Amino acid sequence: METPFLLFLGLAGGLATGAGYVAFITVLGVVPRLMSATKTKPFIHVYELALVLGVLVGTCLHIFSVQLSFPAFTTAFIGLFSGLFIGMAAAALTEVLNVFPILARRIGVFAKVNHLMMAVAIGKTVGSLIQWIFFSPL
């Protein structure tokens, strides 16, 4: 009786998390914004497939506790794309919430909003590199 109950809870939790993730990506409009920014609208199916496969592979790696061993160059490549994804998600969220224009008006640098955005992007990049290089075991 315990195993079917645990299976049900795991499936329900996974469905709830997956639905939340899809809702988050949909509300932010990450895929349409990315397509319009890169002018790659004919490749919408590639974007969708990449999202689905990324979630499925990540979930399987997590569930089955797969230990992967890659050379440093490959790890850097994976880290780069992981950082790009997190950065795009954060940028889309701030754009949807209009964080930069509101912040720029409040601190009185509205004319320099591009500089503010670059400072945040460079700060996140440097912080991520420091954390990854010095505090992540290789």
Protein backbone atom coordinates (compact mmCIF):
# COMPACT_ATOMS: atom_id res chain seq x y z
CA MET A 1 0.00 0.00 0.00
CA GLU A 2 2.90 2.35 0.69
CA THR A 3 4.53 2.03 -2.76
CA PRO A 4 1.46 3.03 -4.82
CA PHE A 5 0.91 5.98 -2.48
CA LEU A 6 4.53 7.12 -2.92
CA LEU A 7 4.24 6.70 -6.68
CA PHE A 8 1.09 8.81 -6.69
CA LEU A 9 2.72 11.54 -4.57
CA GLY A 10 5.81 11.60 -6.78
CA LEU A 11 3.76 11.81 -9.95
CA ALA A 12 1.48 14.50 -8.53
CA GLY A 13 4.43 16.53 -7.29
CA GLY A 14 6.19 16.21 -10.64
CA LEU A 15 3.09 17.27 -12.55
CA ALA A 16 2.59 20.28 -10.26
CA THR A 17 6.23 21.34 -10.63
CA GLY A 18 6.16 20.83 -14.40
CA ALA A 19 2.95 22.83 -14.72
CA GLY A 20 4.48 25.63 -12.67
CA TYR A 21 7.61 25.64 -14.84
CA VAL A 22 5.57 25.77 -18.06
CA ALA A 23 3.38 28.54 -16.64
CA PHE A 24 6.49 30.51 -15.64
CA ILE A 25 8.07 30.15 -19.10
CA THR A 26 4.74 30.99 -20.78
CA VAL A 27 4.00 34.07 -18.66
CA LEU A 28 7.49 35.43 -19.19
CA GLY A 29 7.22 34.79 -22.91
CA VAL A 30 10.82 33.58 -23.06
CA VAL A 31 10.53 31.62 -26.30
CA PRO A 32 8.70 34.30 -28.35
CA ARG A 33 11.02 37.03 -27.06
CA LEU A 34 14.09 34.96 -27.85
CA MET A 35 12.79 34.23 -31.35
CA SER A 36 12.02 37.87 -32.05
CA ALA A 37 15.39 39.03 -30.70
CA THR A 38 17.35 36.51 -32.77
CA LYS A 39 15.00 36.59 -35.80
CA THR A 40 14.71 32.78 -35.79
CA LYS A 41 10.93 32.37 -35.90
CA PRO A 42 11.06 29.40 -38.33
CA PHE A 43 12.90 27.41 -35.64
CA ILE A 44 10.17 27.57 -32.98
CA HIS A 45 9.95 23.77 -32.89
CA VAL A 46 13.68 23.56 -32.14
CA TYR A 47 13.24 25.92 -29.17
CA GLU A 48 10.30 23.93 -27.84
CA LEU A 49 12.10 20.61 -28.32
CA ALA A 50 15.20 21.96 -26.57
CA LEU A 51 13.11 23.06 -23.58
CA VAL A 52 11.31 19.73 -23.29
CA LEU A 53 14.44 17.62 -23.77
CA GLY A 54 16.37 19.77 -21.32
CA VAL A 55 13.76 19.30 -18.62
CA LEU A 56 13.45 15.56 -19.30
CA VAL A 57 17.21 14.94 -19.30
CA GLY A 58 17.71 17.07 -16.19
CA THR A 59 14.92 15.24 -14.39
CA CYS A 60 16.27 11.80 -15.34
CA LEU A 61 19.79 12.76 -14.26
CA HIS A 62 18.44 13.94 -10.93
CA ILE A 63 16.11 11.01 -10.25
CA PHE A 64 18.59 8.28 -11.15
CA SER A 65 21.56 10.02 -9.45
CA VAL A 66 23.76 9.77 -12.51
CA GLN A 67 27.39 10.70 -11.86
CA LEU A 68 28.95 12.29 -14.92
CA SER A 69 32.65 12.94 -15.35
CA PHE A 70 33.65 15.41 -18.04
CA PRO A 71 36.90 17.19 -18.83
CA ALA A 72 37.17 20.81 -17.68
CA PHE A 73 36.48 22.19 -21.16
CA THR A 74 33.19 20.31 -21.42
CA THR A 75 32.21 21.40 -17.92
CA ALA A 76 32.89 25.02 -18.89
CA PHE A 77 30.72 24.59 -21.99
CA ILE A 78 27.84 23.18 -19.91
CA GLY A 79 28.27 25.96 -17.37
CA LEU A 80 28.15 28.56 -20.09
CA PHE A 81 24.83 27.33 -21.43
CA SER A 82 23.40 26.90 -17.93
CA GLY A 83 24.36 30.48 -17.17
CA LEU A 84 22.85 31.69 -20.41
CA PHE A 85 19.56 30.02 -19.54
CA ILE A 86 19.48 31.45 -16.01
CA GLY A 87 20.47 34.87 -17.30
CA MET A 88 17.75 34.90 -19.96
CA ALA A 89 15.15 33.78 -17.43
CA ALA A 90 16.21 36.51 -15.01
CA ALA A 91 16.27 39.13 -17.77
CA ALA A 92 12.82 38.10 -18.98
CA LEU A 93 11.46 38.29 -15.45
CA THR A 94 12.88 41.76 -14.86
CA GLU A 95 11.57 42.91 -18.24
CA VAL A 96 8.07 41.64 -17.51
CA LEU A 97 8.07 43.31 -14.11
CA ASN A 98 9.58 46.54 -15.53
CA VAL A 99 12.25 46.50 -12.83
CA PHE A 100 14.87 48.53 -14.69
CA PRO A 101 12.72 51.53 -15.69
CA ILE A 102 11.24 51.78 -12.18
CA LEU A 103 14.65 51.47 -10.52
CA ALA A 104 16.21 53.98 -12.92
CA ARG A 105 13.46 56.53 -12.21
CA ARG A 106 13.74 56.07 -8.45
CA ILE A 107 17.50 56.53 -8.30
CA GLY A 108 17.45 59.31 -10.89
CA VAL A 109 19.45 57.73 -13.71
CA PHE A 110 16.68 57.14 -16.24
CA ALA A 111 18.77 58.56 -19.10
CA LYS A 112 21.45 55.96 -18.31
CA VAL A 113 19.18 52.89 -18.04
CA ASN A 114 21.39 51.00 -20.55
CA HIS A 115 24.39 51.52 -18.29
CA LEU A 116 22.37 50.23 -15.35
CA MET A 117 21.41 47.09 -17.27
CA MET A 118 25.02 46.46 -18.33
CA ALA A 119 26.24 46.95 -14.74
CA VAL A 120 23.77 44.34 -13.52
CA ALA A 121 24.71 41.92 -16.33
CA ILE A 122 28.46 42.33 -15.78
CA GLY A 123 28.01 42.04 -12.02
CA LYS A 124 26.07 38.78 -12.39
CA THR A 125 28.67 37.43 -14.79
CA VAL A 126 31.63 38.28 -12.55
CA GLY A 127 29.83 36.94 -9.47
CA SER A 128 28.97 33.70 -11.24
CA LEU A 129 32.52 33.25 -12.47
CA ILE A 130 33.96 33.84 -9.00
CA GLN A 131 31.52 31.36 -7.47
CA TRP A 132 32.14 28.79 -10.18
CA ILE A 133 35.95 29.11 -10.32
CA PHE A 134 36.72 29.42 -6.61
CA PHE A 135 33.90 27.67 -4.79
CA SER A 136 32.80 24.83 -7.09
CA PRO A 137 34.73 21.58 -6.89
CA LEU A 138 36.09 20.29 -10.19
